[in-house]
Amino acid sequence: MKIIRIIFLGFLPLLLISSASKAAELSTLVLNGTYILDVEENEHHQLLGDIGFSLSTEISSKGTYFNVLKLDFNGNGAVLPHHMEVVVCKENKTDALLSGMYKVKAIESFLNPADGVFGAYSSDVFGEKLYFTKEGSIRITHYSNTSVKGTLSLLLVNQKGEIIRVKGSFDAI
């Protein structure tokens, strides 16, 4: 019995040391019609709220058809009031918006759609300054007539050159 106790007490510290690691990240559950976004500037903020979407077809001045997906991140009732709208444009070679990765592109004109992701963000935390997408992407993992699911990772800049990073998951209905 004494030998078993010595062996157990000898291996216990090794077991505890080997299981020590970084704190496990808590996975947050994104429910239908909601989003969870991490915003990093000088500080880290987590944004939660309701999200809706709309899909339309628009025609450019050159006569090209585009599917236009608008994601409306509404955090008006949140602890940190904010609002973000992201638009995903894809040339309409089929009738549906396909799942996949869409990258941020520079905006040439608000009147003419073009392939890419465009967005704007404002928040009381940042003095209601508008931040516009500069780089990043959105991944659509599921699309149907009633819901859109995915993730995003965006770098946004305001007119003073201040930068924020927004990343997270959404499930729009």
N, C-alpha and C. Protein backbone atom coordinates (compact mmCIF):
# COMPACT_ATOMS: atom_id res chain seq x y z
N MET A 1 0.82 -1.19 0.00
CA MET A 1 0.00 0.00 0.00
C MET A 1 0.87 1.26 0.00
N LYS A 2 1.95 1.23 0.74
CA LYS A 2 2.84 2.37 0.82
C LYS A 2 3.49 2.64 -0.53
N ILE A 3 3.81 1.60 -1.28
CA ILE A 3 4.43 1.74 -2.61
C ILE A 3 3.43 2.38 -3.57
N ILE A 4 2.18 1.97 -3.51
CA ILE A 4 1.16 2.55 -4.39
C ILE A 4 0.99 4.04 -4.08
N ARG A 5 0.99 4.40 -2.79
CA ARG A 5 0.85 5.79 -2.39
C ARG A 5 2.04 6.60 -2.90
N ILE A 6 3.23 6.10 -2.81
CA ILE A 6 4.43 6.80 -3.27
C ILE A 6 4.39 6.97 -4.79
N ILE A 7 4.01 5.92 -5.50
CA ILE A 7 3.91 6.01 -6.96
C ILE A 7 2.85 7.03 -7.35
N PHE A 8 1.67 6.98 -6.68
CA PHE A 8 0.60 7.92 -7.00
C PHE A 8 1.04 9.36 -6.72
N LEU A 9 1.64 9.61 -5.56
CA LEU A 9 2.08 10.96 -5.21
C LEU A 9 3.23 11.42 -6.11
N GLY A 10 4.00 10.50 -6.63
CA GLY A 10 5.09 10.84 -7.56
C GLY A 10 4.56 11.24 -8.93
N PHE A 11 3.51 10.56 -9.39
CA PHE A 11 2.95 10.85 -10.71
C PHE A 11 1.93 11.99 -10.70
N LEU A 12 1.34 12.30 -9.56
CA LEU A 12 0.34 13.35 -9.49
C LEU A 12 0.89 14.71 -9.95
N PRO A 13 2.06 15.15 -9.46
CA PRO A 13 2.59 16.43 -9.95
C PRO A 13 2.87 16.40 -11.46
N LEU A 14 3.36 15.28 -11.97
CA LEU A 14 3.60 15.18 -13.42
C LEU A 14 2.29 15.30 -14.19
N LEU A 15 1.25 14.67 -13.68
CA LEU A 15 -0.06 14.74 -14.32
C LEU A 15 -0.58 16.17 -14.32
N LEU A 16 -0.47 16.86 -13.20
CA LEU A 16 -0.95 18.23 -13.11
C LEU A 16 -0.15 19.17 -14.00
N ILE A 17 1.17 19.00 -14.05
CA ILE A 17 2.00 19.85 -14.89
C ILE A 17 1.72 19.60 -16.37
N SER A 18 1.55 18.35 -16.76
CA SER A 18 1.32 18.04 -18.17
C SER A 18 -0.03 18.52 -18.66
N SER A 19 -1.01 18.65 -17.76
CA SER A 19 -2.32 19.12 -18.20
C SER A 19 -2.44 20.64 -18.16
N ALA A 20 -1.43 21.33 -17.64
CA ALA A 20 -1.46 22.79 -17.62
C ALA A 20 -1.24 23.32 -19.02
N SER A 21 -2.06 24.25 -19.44
CA SER A 21 -1.92 24.86 -20.76
C SER A 21 -2.64 26.20 -20.73
N LYS A 22 -2.74 26.85 -21.87
CA LYS A 22 -3.48 28.10 -21.95
C LYS A 22 -4.92 27.84 -21.55
N ALA A 23 -5.54 28.85 -21.02
CA ALA A 23 -6.95 28.71 -20.66
C ALA A 23 -7.76 28.36 -21.90
N ALA A 24 -8.62 27.40 -21.75
CA ALA A 24 -9.44 26.98 -22.89
C ALA A 24 -10.35 28.12 -23.31
N GLU A 25 -10.42 28.37 -24.61
CA GLU A 25 -11.31 29.40 -25.11
C GLU A 25 -12.74 28.89 -25.03
N LEU A 26 -13.60 29.74 -24.51
CA LEU A 26 -15.00 29.37 -24.42
C LEU A 26 -15.65 29.62 -25.77
N SER A 27 -16.27 28.61 -26.30
CA SER A 27 -16.97 28.81 -27.56
C SER A 27 -18.34 29.38 -27.24
N THR A 28 -18.69 30.43 -27.93
CA THR A 28 -19.98 31.05 -27.70
C THR A 28 -20.96 30.58 -28.76
N LEU A 29 -22.17 30.41 -28.36
CA LEU A 29 -23.20 29.90 -29.24
C LEU A 29 -23.89 31.06 -29.92
N VAL A 30 -23.91 31.04 -31.24
CA VAL A 30 -24.60 32.07 -32.00
C VAL A 30 -25.97 31.52 -32.38
N LEU A 31 -27.01 32.14 -31.86
CA LEU A 31 -28.37 31.69 -32.10
C LEU A 31 -28.92 32.30 -33.38
N ASN A 32 -30.00 31.73 -33.89
CA ASN A 32 -30.63 32.28 -35.09
C ASN A 32 -30.94 33.75 -34.91
N GLY A 33 -30.53 34.54 -35.88
CA GLY A 33 -30.81 35.97 -35.85
C GLY A 33 -29.89 36.78 -34.98
N THR A 34 -28.74 36.21 -34.58
CA THR A 34 -27.83 36.93 -33.70
C THR A 34 -26.40 36.87 -34.23
N TYR A 35 -25.52 37.65 -33.57
CA TYR A 35 -24.10 37.64 -33.89
C TYR A 35 -23.30 37.89 -32.63
N ILE A 36 -22.06 37.47 -32.66
CA ILE A 36 -21.10 37.75 -31.60
C ILE A 36 -19.82 38.20 -32.31
N LEU A 37 -19.40 39.43 -32.04
CA LEU A 37 -18.24 40.00 -32.69
C LEU A 37 -17.24 40.49 -31.65
N ASP A 38 -15.97 40.26 -31.90
CA ASP A 38 -14.90 40.83 -31.10
C ASP A 38 -14.38 42.05 -31.82
N VAL A 39 -14.28 43.17 -31.10
CA VAL A 39 -13.75 44.40 -31.67
C VAL A 39 -12.50 44.76 -30.90
N GLU A 40 -11.41 44.97 -31.63
CA GLU A 40 -10.16 45.36 -30.99
C GLU A 40 -9.72 46.71 -31.52
N GLU A 41 -9.46 47.62 -30.59
CA GLU A 41 -8.86 48.91 -30.90
C GLU A 41 -7.74 49.01 -29.88
N ASN A 42 -7.80 49.96 -28.98
CA ASN A 42 -6.86 49.97 -27.86
C ASN A 42 -7.30 49.00 -26.78
N GLU A 43 -8.60 48.76 -26.75
CA GLU A 43 -9.19 47.82 -25.81
C GLU A 43 -9.94 46.75 -26.61
N HIS A 44 -10.37 45.74 -25.91
CA HIS A 44 -11.12 44.65 -26.54
C HIS A 44 -12.57 44.76 -26.08
N HIS A 45 -13.51 44.70 -27.04
CA HIS A 45 -14.93 44.72 -26.75
C HIS A 45 -15.59 43.53 -27.42
N GLN A 46 -16.61 43.00 -26.79
CA GLN A 46 -17.40 41.96 -27.45
C GLN A 46 -18.79 42.53 -27.70
N LEU A 47 -19.25 42.40 -28.95
CA LEU A 47 -20.54 42.93 -29.35
C LEU A 47 -21.51 41.79 -29.63
N LEU A 48 -22.71 41.95 -29.12
CA LEU A 48 -23.78 40.99 -29.33
C LEU A 48 -24.98 41.75 -29.86
N GLY A 49 -25.80 41.11 -30.63
CA GLY A 49 -27.00 41.78 -31.09
C GLY A 49 -27.80 40.95 -32.05
N ASP A 50 -28.81 41.60 -32.60
CA ASP A 50 -29.67 40.97 -33.59
C ASP A 50 -29.14 41.27 -34.98
N ILE A 51 -29.33 40.35 -35.89
CA ILE A 51 -28.87 40.55 -37.27
C ILE A 51 -29.98 40.13 -38.23
N GLY A 52 -30.14 40.91 -39.25
CA GLY A 52 -31.06 40.58 -40.31
C GLY A 52 -30.35 40.65 -41.64
N PHE A 53 -30.98 40.16 -42.69
CA PHE A 53 -30.35 40.22 -44.00
C PHE A 53 -31.40 40.42 -45.07
N SER A 54 -30.93 40.92 -46.21
CA SER A 54 -31.78 41.01 -47.39
C SER A 54 -30.93 40.70 -48.61
N LEU A 55 -31.53 40.12 -49.61
CA LEU A 55 -30.84 39.81 -50.86
C LEU A 55 -31.62 40.44 -52.00
N SER A 56 -30.90 41.16 -52.84
CA SER A 56 -31.54 41.77 -54.00
C SER A 56 -30.64 41.59 -55.21
N THR A 57 -31.18 41.88 -56.37
CA THR A 57 -30.40 41.87 -57.60
C THR A 57 -30.36 43.30 -58.11
N GLU A 58 -29.15 43.78 -58.40
CA GLU A 58 -28.98 45.14 -58.90
C GLU A 58 -28.24 45.10 -60.23
N ILE A 59 -28.42 46.14 -61.02
CA ILE A 59 -27.80 46.22 -62.34
C ILE A 59 -26.80 47.38 -62.33
N SER A 60 -25.57 47.11 -62.77
CA SER A 60 -24.57 48.17 -62.86
C SER A 60 -24.85 49.03 -64.08
N SER A 61 -24.13 50.15 -64.19
CA SER A 61 -24.31 51.04 -65.34
C SER A 61 -23.90 50.36 -66.65
N LYS A 62 -23.12 49.29 -66.54
CA LYS A 62 -22.69 48.54 -67.73
C LYS A 62 -23.68 47.43 -68.08
N GLY A 63 -24.75 47.31 -67.29
CA GLY A 63 -25.76 46.30 -67.57
C GLY A 63 -25.49 44.95 -66.95
N THR A 64 -24.50 44.84 -66.06
CA THR A 64 -24.17 43.58 -65.40
C THR A 64 -25.05 43.40 -64.17
N TYR A 65 -25.58 42.20 -64.00
CA TYR A 65 -26.41 41.90 -62.84
C TYR A 65 -25.54 41.45 -61.68
N PHE A 66 -25.91 41.89 -60.46
CA PHE A 66 -25.20 41.52 -59.25
C PHE A 66 -26.19 41.08 -58.18
N ASN A 67 -25.84 40.00 -57.46
CA ASN A 67 -26.56 39.64 -56.24
C ASN A 67 -25.96 40.51 -55.14
N VAL A 68 -26.81 41.16 -54.36
CA VAL A 68 -26.36 42.04 -53.29
C VAL A 68 -26.97 41.56 -51.98
N LEU A 69 -26.10 41.07 -51.09
CA LEU A 69 -26.51 40.61 -49.77
C LEU A 69 -26.17 41.70 -48.77
N LYS A 70 -27.17 42.18 -48.04
CA LYS A 70 -26.95 43.19 -47.01
C LYS A 70 -27.15 42.54 -45.64
N LEU A 71 -26.14 42.65 -44.80
CA LEU A 71 -26.20 42.16 -43.43
C LEU A 71 -26.30 43.36 -42.50
N ASP A 72 -27.31 43.38 -41.66
CA ASP A 72 -27.57 44.50 -40.76
C ASP A 72 -27.34 44.06 -39.32
N PHE A 73 -26.18 44.44 -38.75
CA PHE A 73 -25.81 44.10 -37.38
C PHE A 73 -26.35 45.20 -36.47
N ASN A 74 -27.45 44.91 -35.77
CA ASN A 74 -28.13 45.93 -34.99
C ASN A 74 -27.88 45.71 -33.51
N GLY A 75 -27.05 46.56 -32.93
CA GLY A 75 -26.74 46.46 -31.51
C GLY A 75 -27.28 47.62 -30.73
N ASN A 76 -28.44 48.15 -31.14
CA ASN A 76 -28.99 49.33 -30.46
C ASN A 76 -29.39 49.04 -29.02
N GLY A 77 -29.84 47.84 -28.74
CA GLY A 77 -30.24 47.50 -27.38
C GLY A 77 -29.12 46.86 -26.59
N ALA A 78 -27.93 46.79 -27.16
CA ALA A 78 -26.80 46.10 -26.53
C ALA A 78 -26.19 46.96 -25.41
N VAL A 79 -25.35 46.33 -24.60
CA VAL A 79 -24.62 47.04 -23.54
C VAL A 79 -23.75 48.14 -24.17
N LEU A 80 -23.11 47.85 -25.28
CA LEU A 80 -22.32 48.84 -26.03
C LEU A 80 -23.05 49.12 -27.33
N PRO A 81 -23.90 50.16 -27.37
CA PRO A 81 -24.67 50.43 -28.59
C PRO A 81 -23.75 50.62 -29.81
N HIS A 82 -24.16 50.02 -30.91
CA HIS A 82 -23.37 50.06 -32.13
C HIS A 82 -24.27 49.70 -33.31
N HIS A 83 -23.75 49.93 -34.49
CA HIS A 83 -24.46 49.51 -35.70
C HIS A 83 -23.41 49.24 -36.79
N MET A 84 -23.62 48.18 -37.54
CA MET A 84 -22.74 47.86 -38.64
C MET A 84 -23.59 47.30 -39.78
N GLU A 85 -23.27 47.73 -40.98
CA GLU A 85 -23.90 47.16 -42.16
C GLU A 85 -22.79 46.70 -43.08
N VAL A 86 -22.93 45.48 -43.56
CA VAL A 86 -21.95 44.91 -44.48
C VAL A 86 -22.69 44.46 -45.72
N VAL A 87 -22.14 44.79 -46.89
CA VAL A 87 -22.75 44.44 -48.16
C VAL A 87 -21.79 43.52 -48.91
N VAL A 88 -22.32 42.39 -49.36
CA VAL A 88 -21.55 41.44 -50.17
C VAL A 88 -22.15 41.46 -51.57
N CYS A 89 -21.33 41.81 -52.56
CA CYS A 89 -21.79 41.85 -53.96
C CYS A 89 -21.08 40.76 -54.75
N LYS A 90 -21.84 40.08 -55.58
CA LYS A 90 -21.30 39.01 -56.41
C LYS A 90 -21.97 39.10 -57.77
N GLU A 91 -21.14 39.12 -58.83
CA GLU A 91 -21.72 39.15 -60.17
C GLU A 91 -22.66 37.97 -60.32
N ASN A 92 -23.83 38.20 -60.89
CA ASN A 92 -24.89 37.21 -60.95
C ASN A 92 -24.70 36.28 -62.16
N LYS A 93 -23.86 35.28 -62.00
CA LYS A 93 -23.68 34.27 -63.05
C LYS A 93 -24.66 33.13 -62.83
N THR A 94 -25.18 33.05 -61.61
CA THR A 94 -26.24 32.09 -61.29
C THR A 94 -27.31 32.89 -60.55
N ASP A 95 -28.39 32.25 -60.23
CA ASP A 95 -29.46 32.95 -59.53
C ASP A 95 -29.28 32.99 -58.02
N ALA A 96 -28.25 32.31 -57.50
CA ALA A 96 -28.10 32.23 -56.05
C ALA A 96 -26.75 32.78 -55.61
N LEU A 97 -26.72 33.26 -54.39
CA LEU A 97 -25.47 33.65 -53.77
C LEU A 97 -24.83 32.36 -53.26
N LEU A 98 -23.61 32.10 -53.68
CA LEU A 98 -22.97 30.85 -53.31
C LEU A 98 -22.23 30.99 -51.99
N SER A 99 -22.15 29.88 -51.26
CA SER A 99 -21.31 29.86 -50.07
C SER A 99 -19.87 30.03 -50.51
N GLY A 100 -19.07 30.62 -49.64
CA GLY A 100 -17.67 30.81 -49.96
C GLY A 100 -17.11 32.06 -49.32
N MET A 101 -15.89 32.39 -49.73
CA MET A 101 -15.16 33.52 -49.18
C MET A 101 -15.31 34.74 -50.08
N TYR A 102 -15.61 35.89 -49.48
CA TYR A 102 -15.74 37.15 -50.21
C TYR A 102 -14.80 38.16 -49.56
N LYS A 103 -13.97 38.80 -50.36
CA LYS A 103 -12.95 39.72 -49.84
C LYS A 103 -13.37 41.17 -49.98
N VAL A 104 -12.87 42.00 -49.06
CA VAL A 104 -13.12 43.44 -49.09
C VAL A 104 -12.43 44.02 -50.31
N LYS A 105 -13.13 44.92 -51.01
CA LYS A 105 -12.56 45.63 -52.16
C LYS A 105 -12.78 47.12 -51.95
N ALA A 106 -11.94 47.93 -52.57
CA ALA A 106 -12.10 49.38 -52.50
C ALA A 106 -13.39 49.79 -53.20
N ILE A 107 -14.08 50.76 -52.63
CA ILE A 107 -15.33 51.23 -53.21
C ILE A 107 -15.03 52.27 -54.28
N GLU A 108 -15.49 52.00 -55.49
CA GLU A 108 -15.32 52.96 -56.58
C GLU A 108 -16.51 53.88 -56.67
N SER A 109 -17.69 53.35 -56.37
CA SER A 109 -18.91 54.14 -56.45
C SER A 109 -20.01 53.45 -55.68
N PHE A 110 -20.82 54.22 -54.95
CA PHE A 110 -21.96 53.63 -54.26
C PHE A 110 -23.11 53.37 -55.23
N LEU A 111 -23.03 53.95 -56.43
CA LEU A 111 -24.11 53.79 -57.40
C LEU A 111 -23.95 52.54 -58.24
N ASN A 112 -22.72 52.04 -58.38
CA ASN A 112 -22.47 50.85 -59.20
C ASN A 112 -21.98 49.71 -58.34
N PRO A 113 -22.71 48.60 -58.28
CA PRO A 113 -22.22 47.46 -57.53
C PRO A 113 -20.99 46.85 -58.21
N ALA A 114 -20.15 46.20 -57.41
CA ALA A 114 -18.96 45.50 -57.91
C ALA A 114 -18.69 44.32 -56.99
N ASP A 115 -18.04 43.28 -57.50
CA ASP A 115 -17.71 42.12 -56.67
C ASP A 115 -16.93 42.56 -55.44
N GLY A 116 -17.30 42.03 -54.29
CA GLY A 116 -16.54 42.31 -53.08
C GLY A 116 -17.42 42.58 -51.88
N VAL A 117 -16.74 42.95 -50.78
CA VAL A 117 -17.38 43.23 -49.51
C VAL A 117 -17.14 44.69 -49.18
N PHE A 118 -18.18 45.36 -48.73
CA PHE A 118 -18.09 46.75 -48.32
C PHE A 118 -18.84 46.88 -47.01
N GLY A 119 -18.38 47.74 -46.12
CA GLY A 119 -19.11 47.87 -44.86
C GLY A 119 -18.77 49.13 -44.11
N ALA A 120 -19.62 49.46 -43.14
CA ALA A 120 -19.42 50.61 -42.27
C ALA A 120 -19.85 50.23 -40.86
N TYR A 121 -19.17 50.82 -39.87
CA TYR A 121 -19.40 50.52 -38.47
C TYR A 121 -19.39 51.83 -37.68
N SER A 122 -20.30 51.95 -36.73
CA SER A 122 -20.27 53.08 -35.80
C SER A 122 -20.67 52.59 -34.42
N SER A 123 -20.17 53.29 -33.41
CA SER A 123 -20.44 52.87 -32.04
C SER A 123 -20.31 54.07 -31.11
N ASP A 124 -21.10 54.06 -30.05
CA ASP A 124 -20.97 55.09 -29.01
C ASP A 124 -19.59 55.01 -28.35
N VAL A 125 -19.02 53.82 -28.26
CA VAL A 125 -17.72 53.64 -27.64
C VAL A 125 -16.64 54.43 -28.38
N PHE A 126 -16.76 54.53 -29.70
CA PHE A 126 -15.77 55.23 -30.50
C PHE A 126 -16.26 56.63 -30.91
N GLY A 127 -17.17 57.20 -30.15
CA GLY A 127 -17.64 58.55 -30.41
C GLY A 127 -18.48 58.67 -31.67
N GLU A 128 -19.15 57.61 -32.06
CA GLU A 128 -20.02 57.58 -33.23
C GLU A 128 -19.29 57.93 -34.53
N LYS A 129 -17.97 57.80 -34.56
CA LYS A 129 -17.22 57.99 -35.82
C LYS A 129 -17.52 56.81 -36.73
N LEU A 130 -17.64 57.08 -38.02
CA LEU A 130 -17.84 56.00 -38.98
C LEU A 130 -16.52 55.36 -39.36
N TYR A 131 -16.49 54.05 -39.32
CA TYR A 131 -15.35 53.26 -39.77
C TYR A 131 -15.79 52.51 -41.01
N PHE A 132 -14.93 52.50 -42.04
CA PHE A 132 -15.24 51.81 -43.29
C PHE A 132 -14.26 50.66 -43.50
N THR A 133 -14.74 49.60 -44.14
CA THR A 133 -13.89 48.44 -44.39
C THR A 133 -12.71 48.82 -45.27
N LYS A 134 -11.56 48.31 -44.89
CA LYS A 134 -10.34 48.54 -45.67
C LYS A 134 -9.80 47.21 -46.20
N GLU A 135 -9.84 46.19 -45.37
CA GLU A 135 -9.42 44.86 -45.81
C GLU A 135 -10.10 43.81 -44.95
N GLY A 136 -10.00 42.57 -45.39
CA GLY A 136 -10.62 41.47 -44.67
C GLY A 136 -11.52 40.65 -45.56
N SER A 137 -12.36 39.83 -44.92
CA SER A 137 -13.23 38.95 -45.70
C SER A 137 -14.42 38.48 -44.87
N ILE A 138 -15.40 37.97 -45.60
CA ILE A 138 -16.56 37.31 -45.01
C ILE A 138 -16.65 35.93 -45.63
N ARG A 139 -16.88 34.94 -44.79
CA ARG A 139 -17.10 33.57 -45.28
C ARG A 139 -18.56 33.22 -45.04
N ILE A 140 -19.27 32.95 -46.13
CA ILE A 140 -20.66 32.49 -46.04
C ILE A 140 -20.60 30.96 -45.98
N THR A 141 -21.05 30.39 -44.87
CA THR A 141 -21.01 28.93 -44.73
C THR A 141 -22.35 28.28 -45.06
N HIS A 142 -23.42 29.09 -45.03
CA HIS A 142 -24.75 28.57 -45.35
C HIS A 142 -25.59 29.73 -45.87
N TYR A 143 -26.32 29.46 -46.95
CA TYR A 143 -27.26 30.47 -47.45
C TYR A 143 -28.54 29.77 -47.89
N SER A 144 -29.66 30.32 -47.46
CA SER A 144 -30.97 29.87 -47.96
C SER A 144 -31.86 31.11 -48.01
N ASN A 145 -33.08 30.93 -48.46
CA ASN A 145 -34.02 32.06 -48.51
C ASN A 145 -34.37 32.61 -47.14
N THR A 146 -34.15 31.80 -46.10
CA THR A 146 -34.55 32.21 -44.76
C THR A 146 -33.40 32.48 -43.80
N SER A 147 -32.16 32.13 -44.18
CA SER A 147 -31.05 32.36 -43.26
C SER A 147 -29.71 32.42 -44.00
N VAL A 148 -28.78 33.11 -43.37
CA VAL A 148 -27.39 33.20 -43.84
C VAL A 148 -26.50 33.03 -42.63
N LYS A 149 -25.55 32.11 -42.70
CA LYS A 149 -24.61 31.89 -41.61
C LYS A 149 -23.20 32.11 -42.12
N GLY A 150 -22.33 32.57 -41.21
CA GLY A 150 -20.94 32.73 -41.61
C GLY A 150 -20.09 33.38 -40.56
N THR A 151 -18.90 33.74 -40.99
CA THR A 151 -17.93 34.42 -40.13
C THR A 151 -17.38 35.62 -40.89
N LEU A 152 -16.81 36.54 -40.13
CA LEU A 152 -16.17 37.68 -40.77
C LEU A 152 -14.92 38.07 -40.01
N SER A 153 -14.00 38.68 -40.72
CA SER A 153 -12.79 39.24 -40.16
C SER A 153 -12.48 40.49 -40.97
N LEU A 154 -12.68 41.66 -40.36
CA LEU A 154 -12.57 42.92 -41.09
C LEU A 154 -11.66 43.90 -40.38
N LEU A 155 -10.93 44.67 -41.15
CA LEU A 155 -10.16 45.80 -40.66
C LEU A 155 -10.88 47.04 -41.16
N LEU A 156 -11.24 47.93 -40.23
CA LEU A 156 -11.99 49.13 -40.59
C LEU A 156 -11.20 50.37 -40.16
N VAL A 157 -11.34 51.46 -40.93
CA VAL A 157 -10.59 52.68 -40.69
C VAL A 157 -11.54 53.87 -40.75
N ASN A 158 -11.34 54.87 -39.85
CA ASN A 158 -12.14 56.09 -39.93
C ASN A 158 -11.35 57.17 -40.66
N GLN A 159 -11.94 58.36 -40.80
CA GLN A 159 -11.30 59.42 -41.59
C GLN A 159 -10.02 59.94 -40.95
N LYS A 160 -9.82 59.69 -39.65
CA LYS A 160 -8.59 60.11 -38.97
C LYS A 160 -7.49 59.05 -39.07
N GLY A 161 -7.80 57.92 -39.70
CA GLY A 161 -6.82 56.85 -39.83
C GLY A 161 -6.81 55.90 -38.65
N GLU A 162 -7.75 56.05 -37.72
CA GLU A 162 -7.84 55.13 -36.58
C GLU A 162 -8.39 53.80 -37.06
N ILE A 163 -7.82 52.72 -36.55
CA ILE A 163 -8.14 51.37 -37.04
C ILE A 163 -8.81 50.55 -35.94
N ILE A 164 -9.81 49.76 -36.33
CA ILE A 164 -10.37 48.73 -35.46
C ILE A 164 -10.44 47.43 -36.25
N ARG A 165 -10.39 46.33 -35.53
CA ARG A 165 -10.55 45.01 -36.14
C ARG A 165 -11.81 44.38 -35.57
N VAL A 166 -12.62 43.83 -36.47
CA VAL A 166 -13.87 43.19 -36.07
C VAL A 166 -13.85 41.77 -36.62
N LYS A 167 -14.10 40.80 -35.75
CA LYS A 167 -14.18 39.41 -36.21
C LYS A 167 -15.19 38.67 -35.37
N GLY A 168 -15.81 37.68 -36.00
CA GLY A 168 -16.79 36.90 -35.27
C GLY A 168 -17.69 36.09 -36.17
N SER A 169 -18.80 35.64 -35.59
CA SER A 169 -19.75 34.76 -36.28
C SER A 169 -21.13 35.38 -36.30
N PHE A 170 -21.92 34.99 -37.29
CA PHE A 170 -23.28 35.48 -37.39
C PHE A 170 -24.20 34.40 -37.95
N ASP A 171 -25.47 34.53 -37.62
CA ASP A 171 -26.52 33.64 -38.12
C ASP A 171 -27.75 34.50 -38.37
N ALA A 172 -27.84 35.05 -39.56
CA ALA A 172 -28.90 36.01 -39.89
C ALA A 172 -30.16 35.31 -40.34
N ILE A 173 -31.30 35.85 -39.90
CA ILE A 173 -32.60 35.34 -40.36
C ILE A 173 -33.44 36.49 -40.86
